[in-house]
Amino acid sequence: MMAPDFRRKRSLLRVKRPYESHEDTMAAWQRKNNRINKMKKGIFILPSLLTLASIFFSFYGLILAIKGQFLWSGALILVAAFFDGIDGKVARLTKTSTRFGVELDSLADVISFGVAPSVLFYTWALEPYGRLGWVVAFIYVSCGALRLARFNVQTSVIDPKRFNGLPIPAAAGMLATAVIFFEHLEIKPADYSIFLLALTVVLSFLMVSSIKFHAFKDLTVVKEKPFSSTVGFVLLMSLIALAPFIVPFFICAAYVLSGPIMTAIFYLRGRKNLKVSVVNGPVSGVVQTSTDIDRKP
């Protein structure tokens, strides 16, 4: 008498019986499909919520910039950059990347990394220049919008490992960390007003330039040397923890300078390889013409 009771309690051990009719099978399949669709809707909205969080923090930073709280404004723009960086990764990991999400992300970037940092920099350092100051701030916003539009139309034709032009989040990070750096060290922006004005102009034209910047999407080095990469990441986080108001400024500055430096190195290497290919002809010491090179099989 005990055995049947035991089997009845341990229902998980019993083999599920097949459905008695086709209607029962279809009803069970529909219930399962509904649960999956509800889950997909929840996953679909998550990247959009992260993008809206980026807009929220950058807009709040804009309000603080108008009120004169420049250090907190720059910090909130960096927080917005964090949410902007993870929304795309979450969408790819959950396989919920949509055209709607791409367009929303672009519009968010114009606000978070175009309007907010330009207003912050204008109220902090460029306002004494009067008309020239707000024109330079407008140039920054315009170049950022053009950079995003070009990125959207060139996504399928450019190298995914390289950015064509300075990414607008990096430009905004450069401006935000500069404000944090100066405010923390109590350096008056009026003493470096020409440098800050030139910095804004340079960042604007770097965004619409054809200079290549690393996209950090190639994880080959991390896969080949995981231990060294982990140690490097720990050291970087330790430096930021030791000087959170100073180290991010130099990190952003190093990234901004890396594009022109890499472009110059690639250009010099290309010229050197071209000279070697021209000089090394079939006869030593004889220079080949372009026609001879084209006829060479």
Protein backbone atom coordinates (compact mmCIF):
# COMPACT_ATOMS: atom_id res chain seq x y z
CA MET A 1 0.00 0.00 0.00
CA MET A 2 2.98 2.33 0.55
CA ALA A 3 4.47 1.99 -2.89
CA PRO A 4 1.62 3.67 -4.80
CA ASP A 5 1.59 6.58 -2.33
CA PHE A 6 5.32 7.03 -2.77
CA ARG A 7 5.03 7.13 -6.55
CA ARG A 8 2.16 9.57 -6.33
CA LYS A 9 4.23 12.00 -4.23
CA ARG A 10 7.32 11.68 -6.41
CA SER A 11 5.47 12.83 -9.51
CA LEU A 12 8.64 14.21 -11.06
CA LEU A 13 9.99 10.71 -11.48
CA ARG A 14 7.04 9.57 -13.53
CA VAL A 15 7.02 9.83 -17.29
CA LYS A 16 4.64 12.50 -18.56
CA ARG A 17 1.64 11.07 -20.30
CA PRO A 18 0.97 12.14 -23.86
CA TYR A 19 -1.92 14.50 -24.42
CA GLU A 20 -5.18 12.73 -25.08
CA SER A 21 -6.17 14.89 -28.06
CA HIS A 22 -4.71 17.21 -30.64
CA GLU A 23 -6.54 20.15 -29.06
CA ASP A 24 -4.79 19.56 -25.72
CA THR A 25 -1.43 19.47 -27.49
CA MET A 26 -2.11 22.73 -29.29
CA ALA A 27 -3.34 24.39 -26.09
CA ALA A 28 -0.16 23.39 -24.24
CA TRP A 29 1.99 24.65 -27.10
CA GLN A 30 0.12 27.96 -27.09
CA ARG A 31 0.63 28.40 -23.34
CA LYS A 32 4.36 27.78 -23.72
CA ASN A 33 4.56 30.18 -26.68
CA ASN A 34 2.78 32.89 -24.66
CA ARG A 35 5.31 32.53 -21.83
CA ILE A 36 8.19 32.88 -24.31
CA ASN A 37 6.63 35.95 -25.91
CA LYS A 38 6.19 37.62 -22.52
CA MET A 39 9.82 36.93 -21.74
CA LYS A 40 10.93 38.38 -25.09
CA LYS A 41 8.93 41.54 -24.46
CA GLY A 42 10.69 41.97 -21.13
CA ILE A 43 14.11 41.46 -22.72
CA PHE A 44 13.22 43.78 -25.61
CA ILE A 45 12.43 46.69 -23.31
CA LEU A 46 15.62 46.33 -21.23
CA PRO A 47 18.06 47.91 -23.77
CA SER A 48 15.63 50.79 -24.34
CA LEU A 49 15.40 51.40 -20.59
CA LEU A 50 19.19 51.54 -20.38
CA THR A 51 19.24 54.06 -23.25
CA LEU A 52 16.61 56.18 -21.50
CA ALA A 53 18.71 56.03 -18.32
CA SER A 54 21.59 57.50 -20.33
CA ILE A 55 19.33 60.37 -21.45
CA PHE A 56 18.14 60.92 -17.87
CA PHE A 57 21.62 61.28 -16.36
CA SER A 58 22.92 63.49 -19.16
CA PHE A 59 19.85 65.74 -18.97
CA TYR A 60 20.25 66.04 -15.22
CA GLY A 61 23.91 66.88 -15.81
CA LEU A 62 22.80 69.61 -18.22
CA ILE A 63 20.54 71.10 -15.54
CA LEU A 64 23.41 71.05 -13.03
CA ALA A 65 25.68 72.76 -15.56
CA ILE A 66 23.17 75.59 -15.89
CA LYS A 67 23.09 75.87 -12.08
CA GLY A 68 26.89 76.06 -11.94
CA GLN A 69 27.54 72.63 -10.40
CA PHE A 70 30.14 71.74 -13.00
CA LEU A 71 31.90 68.83 -11.28
CA TRP A 72 28.68 66.90 -10.70
CA SER A 73 27.53 67.70 -14.23
CA GLY A 74 30.68 66.17 -15.71
CA ALA A 75 30.33 63.11 -13.46
CA LEU A 76 26.74 62.53 -14.62
CA ILE A 77 27.80 62.70 -18.26
CA LEU A 78 30.28 59.90 -17.52
CA VAL A 79 27.49 57.90 -15.88
CA ALA A 80 25.41 58.43 -19.03
CA ALA A 81 28.35 57.13 -21.07
CA PHE A 82 28.38 53.97 -18.94
CA PHE A 83 24.71 53.24 -19.65
CA ASP A 84 25.21 54.05 -23.32
CA GLY A 85 28.03 51.53 -23.46
CA ILE A 86 26.09 48.65 -21.96
CA ASP A 87 22.74 49.06 -23.72
CA GLY A 88 24.11 47.85 -27.06
CA LYS A 89 25.95 44.96 -25.44
CA VAL A 90 22.81 43.88 -23.58
CA ALA A 91 20.83 44.02 -26.83
CA ARG A 92 23.41 41.83 -28.61
CA LEU A 93 23.67 39.34 -25.75
CA THR A 94 19.90 38.96 -25.50
CA LYS A 95 19.55 38.99 -29.33
CA THR A 96 17.08 41.88 -29.17
CA SER A 97 18.86 44.34 -31.47
CA THR A 98 16.25 46.19 -33.51
CA ARG A 99 16.15 49.17 -35.84
CA PHE A 100 14.11 51.00 -33.21
CA GLY A 101 16.87 50.51 -30.65
CA VAL A 102 19.53 51.76 -33.07
CA GLU A 103 17.59 54.93 -33.85
CA LEU A 104 16.80 55.55 -30.18
CA ASP A 105 20.47 55.11 -29.29
CA SER A 106 21.52 57.66 -31.94
CA LEU A 107 18.99 60.22 -30.71
CA ALA A 108 20.14 59.61 -27.14
CA ASP A 109 23.77 60.16 -28.13
CA VAL A 110 22.96 63.56 -29.61
CA ILE A 111 21.48 64.63 -26.26
CA SER A 112 23.86 62.83 -23.92
CA PHE A 113 27.16 63.47 -25.70
CA GLY A 114 26.31 66.39 -27.97
CA VAL A 115 24.04 68.91 -26.25
CA ALA A 116 24.88 68.16 -22.59
CA PRO A 117 28.71 68.42 -22.81
CA SER A 118 28.55 71.45 -25.11
CA VAL A 119 26.31 73.33 -22.66
CA LEU A 120 28.57 72.25 -19.79
CA PHE A 121 31.70 73.46 -21.54
CA TYR A 122 30.07 76.70 -22.67
CA THR A 123 28.83 77.65 -19.20
CA TRP A 124 32.12 76.55 -17.62
CA ALA A 125 34.79 77.95 -19.94
CA LEU A 126 33.48 79.38 -23.22
CA GLU A 127 30.91 81.92 -22.03
CA PRO A 128 33.49 84.75 -21.62
CA TYR A 129 34.14 84.55 -25.38
CA GLY A 130 30.58 85.69 -26.06
CA ARG A 131 29.41 84.93 -29.58
CA LEU A 132 32.57 82.98 -30.41
CA GLY A 133 31.99 80.75 -27.40
CA TRP A 134 28.47 79.65 -28.28
CA VAL A 135 29.40 79.28 -31.97
CA VAL A 136 32.20 76.87 -31.00
CA ALA A 137 29.75 74.96 -28.77
CA PHE A 138 27.31 74.79 -31.70
CA ILE A 139 30.06 73.47 -33.98
CA TYR A 140 30.68 70.68 -31.48
CA VAL A 141 26.99 69.68 -31.43
CA SER A 142 26.74 69.83 -35.24
CA CYS A 143 29.87 67.74 -35.80
CA GLY A 144 28.61 65.20 -33.25
CA ALA A 145 25.28 64.87 -35.07
CA LEU A 146 27.06 64.52 -38.43
CA ARG A 147 29.36 61.89 -36.91
CA LEU A 148 26.38 59.83 -35.73
CA ALA A 149 24.57 60.13 -39.07
CA ARG A 150 27.69 59.01 -40.96
CA PHE A 151 28.19 56.10 -38.57
CA ASN A 152 24.62 54.89 -39.11
CA VAL A 153 24.98 54.79 -42.91
CA GLN A 154 28.51 53.32 -42.88
CA THR A 155 27.94 50.53 -40.36
CA SER A 156 27.96 47.78 -42.99
CA VAL A 157 30.84 49.10 -45.11
CA ILE A 158 33.56 50.05 -42.61
CA ASP A 159 35.94 47.91 -40.58
CA PRO A 160 34.12 46.98 -37.33
CA LYS A 161 37.45 47.01 -35.48
CA ARG A 162 38.00 50.71 -36.23
CA PHE A 163 35.88 53.84 -35.78
CA ASN A 164 35.89 56.25 -38.70
CA GLY A 165 36.41 59.46 -36.77
CA LEU A 166 36.39 60.09 -33.04
CA PRO A 167 33.29 58.53 -31.39
CA ILE A 168 31.04 61.16 -29.86
CA PRO A 169 31.01 59.44 -26.41
CA ALA A 170 34.81 59.69 -26.34
CA ALA A 171 34.66 63.39 -27.25
CA ALA A 172 32.07 64.00 -24.52
CA GLY A 173 34.20 62.03 -22.08
CA MET A 174 37.18 64.22 -22.91
CA LEU A 175 35.19 67.39 -22.17
CA ALA A 176 33.60 65.98 -19.01
CA THR A 177 36.86 64.66 -17.55
CA ALA A 178 38.59 67.96 -18.35
CA VAL A 179 35.97 69.80 -16.28
CA ILE A 180 36.32 67.29 -13.43
CA PHE A 181 40.13 67.50 -13.60
CA PHE A 182 40.20 71.31 -13.48
CA GLU A 183 37.52 71.59 -10.80
CA HIS A 184 39.17 69.02 -8.54
CA LEU A 185 42.57 70.73 -8.73
CA GLU A 186 40.83 74.13 -8.40
CA ILE A 187 42.34 75.38 -11.65
CA LYS A 188 40.52 78.37 -13.08
CA PRO A 189 39.35 77.73 -16.66
CA ALA A 190 39.95 81.42 -17.47
CA ASP A 191 43.70 80.79 -17.15
CA TYR A 192 43.53 78.17 -19.93
CA SER A 193 40.63 79.57 -21.94
CA ILE A 194 42.48 79.50 -25.28
CA PHE A 195 43.51 75.88 -24.74
CA LEU A 196 39.95 74.87 -23.82
CA LEU A 197 38.53 76.70 -26.84
CA ALA A 198 41.03 74.96 -29.12
CA LEU A 199 40.27 71.61 -27.46
CA THR A 200 36.58 71.95 -28.31
CA VAL A 201 37.35 72.82 -31.93
CA VAL A 202 39.84 69.95 -32.30
CA LEU A 203 37.41 67.42 -30.85
CA SER A 204 34.69 68.68 -33.19
CA PHE A 205 36.75 68.15 -36.32
CA LEU A 206 38.18 64.83 -35.10
CA MET A 207 34.61 63.51 -34.98
CA VAL A 208 33.96 64.28 -38.65
CA SER A 209 37.46 63.36 -39.82
CA SER A 210 38.52 60.08 -41.44
CA ILE A 211 41.07 59.31 -38.72
CA LYS A 212 40.73 55.76 -37.45
CA PHE A 213 40.20 55.05 -33.76
CA HIS A 214 40.27 51.64 -32.11
CA ALA A 215 36.80 50.24 -31.41
CA PHE A 216 37.94 47.67 -28.80
CA LYS A 217 35.65 45.04 -30.33
CA ASP A 218 38.47 42.66 -31.20
CA LEU A 219 39.05 40.49 -28.13
CA THR A 220 41.88 38.44 -29.67
CA VAL A 221 44.46 39.79 -27.24
CA VAL A 222 42.19 39.07 -24.29
CA LYS A 223 41.60 35.50 -25.48
CA GLU A 224 45.28 34.87 -26.17
CA LYS A 225 46.53 36.41 -22.92
CA PRO A 226 43.66 36.28 -20.44
CA PHE A 227 45.86 36.44 -17.32
CA SER A 228 47.84 39.49 -18.50
CA SER A 229 44.65 41.21 -19.61
CA THR A 230 43.07 40.59 -16.20
CA VAL A 231 46.13 41.99 -14.40
CA GLY A 232 46.10 45.07 -16.65
CA PHE A 233 42.40 45.62 -15.97
CA VAL A 234 42.95 45.33 -12.21
CA LEU A 235 45.82 47.84 -12.36
CA LEU A 236 43.72 50.27 -14.38
CA MET A 237 40.82 50.04 -11.93
CA SER A 238 43.25 50.51 -9.04
CA LEU A 239 44.63 53.70 -10.59
CA ILE A 240 41.12 55.05 -11.11
CA ALA A 241 40.25 54.20 -7.50
CA LEU A 242 43.36 56.02 -6.24
CA ALA A 243 42.73 59.18 -8.28
CA PRO A 244 39.16 59.12 -9.68
CA PHE A 245 39.25 62.83 -10.57
CA ILE A 246 42.57 62.73 -12.42
CA VAL A 247 43.18 59.33 -14.07
CA PRO A 248 40.03 59.36 -16.31
CA PHE A 249 41.21 62.65 -17.84
CA PHE A 250 44.52 61.11 -18.93
CA ILE A 251 42.78 57.95 -20.17
CA CYS A 252 40.46 60.00 -22.39
CA ALA A 253 43.36 62.16 -23.57
CA ALA A 254 45.38 59.05 -24.46
CA TYR A 255 42.48 57.66 -26.51
CA VAL A 256 41.97 60.97 -28.35
CA LEU A 257 45.69 61.11 -29.20
CA SER A 258 45.82 57.43 -30.19
CA GLY A 259 43.85 58.04 -33.40
CA PRO A 260 46.18 60.62 -35.00
CA ILE A 261 49.25 58.71 -33.79
CA MET A 262 48.07 55.41 -35.29
CA THR A 263 47.06 57.14 -38.51
CA ALA A 264 50.52 58.74 -38.81
CA ILE A 265 52.22 55.38 -38.16
CA PHE A 266 50.10 53.60 -40.79
CA TYR A 267 50.76 56.41 -43.27
CA LEU A 268 54.53 56.24 -42.78
CA ARG A 269 54.51 52.45 -43.05
CA GLY A 270 52.48 52.65 -46.25
CA ARG A 271 54.92 55.10 -47.82
CA LYS A 272 57.85 52.94 -46.76
CA ASN A 273 56.30 49.78 -48.24
CA LEU A 274 55.48 51.67 -51.45
CA LYS A 275 59.08 52.82 -51.81
CA VAL A 276 60.37 49.28 -51.22
CA SER A 277 58.00 47.82 -53.81
CA VAL A 278 59.04 50.46 -56.36
CA VAL A 279 62.80 50.19 -55.79
CA ASN A 280 62.97 46.39 -55.68
CA GLY A 281 62.60 45.63 -59.39
CA PRO A 282 63.64 42.53 -61.36
CA VAL A 283 67.15 44.05 -61.73
CA SER A 284 68.85 45.29 -58.57
CA GLY A 285 69.14 49.07 -58.47
CA VAL A 286 66.63 49.62 -61.29
CA VAL A 287 63.55 51.65 -60.51
CA GLN A 288 60.32 50.34 -62.01
CA THR A 289 57.74 52.68 -63.42
CA SER A 290 54.09 52.40 -62.54
CA THR A 291 53.42 50.88 -65.98
CA ASP A 292 55.97 48.13 -65.38
CA ILE A 293 54.44 47.35 -62.01
CA ASP A 294 50.96 47.10 -63.51
CA ARG A 295 52.19 44.74 -66.26
CA LYS A 296 53.92 42.47 -63.76
CA PRO A 297 51.90 39.28 -63.34
